[in-house]
C-alpha atoms as a PDB file:
ATOM      1  CA  UNK A   1       2.632  18.263 -10.304  1.00  0.00           C
ATOM      2  CA  UNK A   2       0.446  16.439  -7.860  1.00  0.00           C
ATOM      3  CA  UNK A   3       0.249  12.705  -8.367  1.00  0.00           C
ATOM      4  CA  UNK A   4      -2.980  11.254  -7.010  1.00  0.00           C
ATOM      5  CA  UNK A   5      -3.696   7.547  -7.392  1.00  0.00           C
ATOM      6  CA  UNK A   6      -7.232   6.344  -6.860  1.00  0.00           C
ATOM      7  CA  UNK A   7      -8.575   2.815  -6.538  1.00  0.00           C
ATOM      8  CA  UNK A   8     -12.180   2.355  -5.514  1.00  0.00           C
ATOM      9  CA  UNK A   9     -12.953   4.645  -2.586  1.00  0.00           C
ATOM     10  CA  UNK A  10      -9.292   5.241  -1.653  1.00  0.00           C
ATOM     11  CA  UNK A  11      -7.199   8.118  -3.018  1.00  0.00           C
ATOM     12  CA  UNK A  12      -3.485   8.534  -2.361  1.00  0.00           C
ATOM     13  CA  UNK A  13      -1.718  11.869  -2.780  1.00  0.00           C
ATOM     14  CA  UNK A  14       1.954  10.993  -3.348  1.00  0.00           C
ATOM     15  CA  UNK A  15       3.197  14.566  -2.837  1.00  0.00           C
ATOM     16  CA  UNK A  16       1.426  14.973   0.517  1.00  0.00           C
ATOM     17  CA  UNK A  17       1.778  11.280   1.511  1.00  0.00           C
ATOM     18  CA  UNK A  18      -1.902  11.206   2.479  1.00  0.00           C
ATOM     19  CA  UNK A  19      -4.458   8.473   1.996  1.00  0.00           C
ATOM     20  CA  UNK A  20      -8.123   9.456   1.860  1.00  0.00           C
ATOM     21  CA  UNK A  21     -11.148   7.207   2.194  1.00  0.00           C
ATOM     22  CA  UNK A  22     -14.845   7.503   3.106  1.00  0.00           C
ATOM     23  CA  UNK A  23     -13.892   7.797   6.795  1.00  0.00           C
ATOM     24  CA  UNK A  24     -11.391  10.634   6.446  1.00  0.00           C
ATOM     25  CA  UNK A  25      -7.744  11.246   5.672  1.00  0.00           C
ATOM     26  CA  UNK A  26      -4.521   9.868   7.132  1.00  0.00           C
ATOM     27  CA  UNK A  27      -0.859  10.856   6.755  1.00  0.00           C
ATOM     28  CA  UNK A  28       1.523   8.014   5.924  1.00  0.00           C
ATOM     29  CA  UNK A  29       5.163   7.544   6.836  1.00  0.00           C
ATOM     30  CA  UNK A  30       7.749   7.540   4.038  1.00  0.00           C
ATOM     31  CA  UNK A  31       7.825   3.722   3.781  1.00  0.00           C
ATOM     32  CA  UNK A  32       4.044   3.356   4.114  1.00  0.00           C
ATOM     33  CA  UNK A  33       3.624   5.927   1.338  1.00  0.00           C
ATOM     34  CA  UNK A  34       6.136   4.218  -0.973  1.00  0.00           C
ATOM     35  CA  UNK A  35       4.511   0.836  -0.415  1.00  0.00           C
ATOM     36  CA  UNK A  36       0.978   2.194  -0.895  1.00  0.00           C
ATOM     37  CA  UNK A  37       1.989   3.969  -4.097  1.00  0.00           C
ATOM     38  CA  UNK A  38       3.414   0.748  -5.587  1.00  0.00           C
ATOM     39  CA  UNK A  39       0.353  -1.284  -4.560  1.00  0.00           C
ATOM     40  CA  UNK A  40      -2.089   1.307  -5.946  1.00  0.00           C
ATOM     41  CA  UNK A  41      -0.197   1.706  -9.222  1.00  0.00           C
ATOM     42  CA  UNK A  42      -0.322  -2.069  -9.706  1.00  0.00           C
ATOM     43  CA  UNK A  43      -3.707  -2.818  -8.138  1.00  0.00           C
ATOM     44  CA  UNK A  44      -5.117  -6.224  -9.004  1.00  0.00           C
ATOM     45  CA  UNK A  45      -1.651  -7.635  -9.655  1.00  0.00           C
ATOM     46  CA  UNK A  46       0.185  -9.881  -7.218  1.00  0.00           C
ATOM     47  CA  UNK A  47       3.510  -8.225  -6.459  1.00  0.00           C
ATOM     48  CA  UNK A  48       6.355 -10.487  -5.310  1.00  0.00           C
ATOM     49  CA  UNK A  49       7.795  -9.824  -1.859  1.00  0.00           C
ATOM     50  CA  UNK A  50      11.303  -9.453  -3.326  1.00  0.00           C
ATOM     51  CA  UNK A  51      10.129  -6.706  -5.701  1.00  0.00           C
ATOM     52  CA  UNK A  52       8.368  -4.802  -2.915  1.00  0.00           C
ATOM     53  CA  UNK A  53      11.415  -5.051  -0.630  1.00  0.00           C
ATOM     54  CA  UNK A  54      13.743  -3.838  -3.407  1.00  0.00           C
ATOM     55  CA  UNK A  55      11.491  -0.942  -4.477  1.00  0.00           C
ATOM     56  CA  UNK A  56      10.740   0.321  -0.948  1.00  0.00           C
ATOM     57  CA  UNK A  57      13.979  -0.381   0.937  1.00  0.00           C
ATOM     58  CA  UNK A  58      16.449  -0.429  -1.976  1.00  0.00           C
ATOM     59  CA  UNK A  59      18.379  -3.224  -3.704  1.00  0.00           C
ATOM     60  CA  UNK A  60      21.281  -3.248  -1.226  1.00  0.00           C
ATOM     61  CA  UNK A  61      19.343  -2.780   2.007  1.00  0.00           C
ATOM     62  CA  UNK A  62      19.759  -5.442   4.643  1.00  0.00           C
ATOM     63  CA  UNK A  63      16.116  -5.559   5.639  1.00  0.00           C
ATOM     64  CA  UNK A  64      14.399  -8.326   7.538  1.00  0.00           C
ATOM     65  CA  UNK A  65      11.629 -10.127   5.703  1.00  0.00           C
ATOM     66  CA  UNK A  66       9.229  -9.373   8.559  1.00  0.00           C
ATOM     67  CA  UNK A  67       9.538  -5.617   8.000  1.00  0.00           C
ATOM     68  CA  UNK A  68       7.408  -5.885   4.868  1.00  0.00           C
ATOM     69  CA  UNK A  69       4.732  -7.815   6.782  1.00  0.00           C
ATOM     70  CA  UNK A  70       4.722  -5.130   9.469  1.00  0.00           C
ATOM     71  CA  UNK A  71       4.170  -2.326   6.948  1.00  0.00           C
ATOM     72  CA  UNK A  72       1.423  -4.323   5.197  1.00  0.00           C
ATOM     73  CA  UNK A  73      -0.231  -4.678   8.628  1.00  0.00           C
ATOM     74  CA  UNK A  74      -0.008  -0.884   9.120  1.00  0.00           C
ATOM     75  CA  UNK A  75      -1.570  -0.216   5.704  1.00  0.00           C
ATOM     76  CA  UNK A  76      -4.403  -2.659   6.417  1.00  0.00           C
ATOM     77  CA  UNK A  77      -5.151  -0.886   9.717  1.00  0.00           C
ATOM     78  CA  UNK A  78      -5.137   2.521   8.001  1.00  0.00           C
ATOM     79  CA  UNK A  79      -7.484   1.341   5.212  1.00  0.00           C
ATOM     80  CA  UNK A  80      -9.834  -0.089   7.842  1.00  0.00           C
ATOM     81  CA  UNK A  81      -9.715   3.149   9.885  1.00  0.00           C
ATOM     82  CA  UNK A  82     -10.592   5.116   6.729  1.00  0.00           C
ATOM     83  CA  UNK A  83     -13.551   2.757   6.172  1.00  0.00           C
ATOM     84  CA  UNK A  84     -12.240   1.902   2.713  1.00  0.00           C
ATOM     85  CA  UNK A  85     -13.394  -1.144   0.777  1.00  0.00           C
ATOM     86  CA  UNK A  86      -9.865  -1.474  -0.651  1.00  0.00           C
ATOM     87  CA  UNK A  87      -7.935  -4.397   0.823  1.00  0.00           C
ATOM     88  CA  UNK A  88      -4.365  -5.695   0.743  1.00  0.00           C
ATOM     89  CA  UNK A  89      -4.543  -9.447   0.254  1.00  0.00           C
ATOM     90  CA  UNK A  90      -1.779 -11.985   0.767  1.00  0.00           C
ATOM     91  CA  UNK A  91      -0.759 -14.411  -1.960  1.00  0.00           C
ATOM     92  CA  UNK A  92       0.895 -16.985   0.319  1.00  0.00           C
ATOM     93  CA  UNK A  93       4.476 -17.711  -0.659  1.00  0.00           C
ATOM     94  CA  UNK A  94       4.392 -15.051  -3.387  1.00  0.00           C
ATOM     95  CA  UNK A  95       3.578 -11.531  -2.187  1.00  0.00           C
ATOM     96  CA  UNK A  96       0.740  -9.039  -1.873  1.00  0.00           C
ATOM     97  CA  UNK A  97      -2.070  -7.635  -4.027  1.00  0.00           C
ATOM     98  CA  UNK A  98      -4.291  -4.572  -3.658  1.00  0.00           C
ATOM     99  CA  UNK A  99      -7.941  -5.347  -4.366  1.00  0.00           C
ATOM    100  CA  UNK A 100     -11.147  -3.382  -4.469  1.00  0.00           C
ATOM    101  CA  UNK A 101     -14.318  -5.464  -4.257  1.00  0.00           C
ATOM    102  CA  UNK A 102     -17.161  -4.268  -6.488  1.00  0.00           C
ATOM    103  CA  UNK A 103     -19.900  -2.204  -4.843  1.00  0.00           C
END
């Protein structure tokens, strides 16, 4: 059962780990895909950093805080490359939110 999440002009195929936008399609790494899936499923909501770290890396993982920032940076670059209007915004001191500005 294919699970495709769509927000605005971006569509994510969880089974294939691909993100599609007006500018094409891009394969995501395992962590990029997990992070994108969580952001898309909760678009418009600010997700706390701790929740994202736990969901993507696991509750017992010893992961550096900066790893999340690095993966957010990767996702932003991919969305830009795909010419998508969807953006990952930072809620300083809280976490991240996926937004799609109206056309």
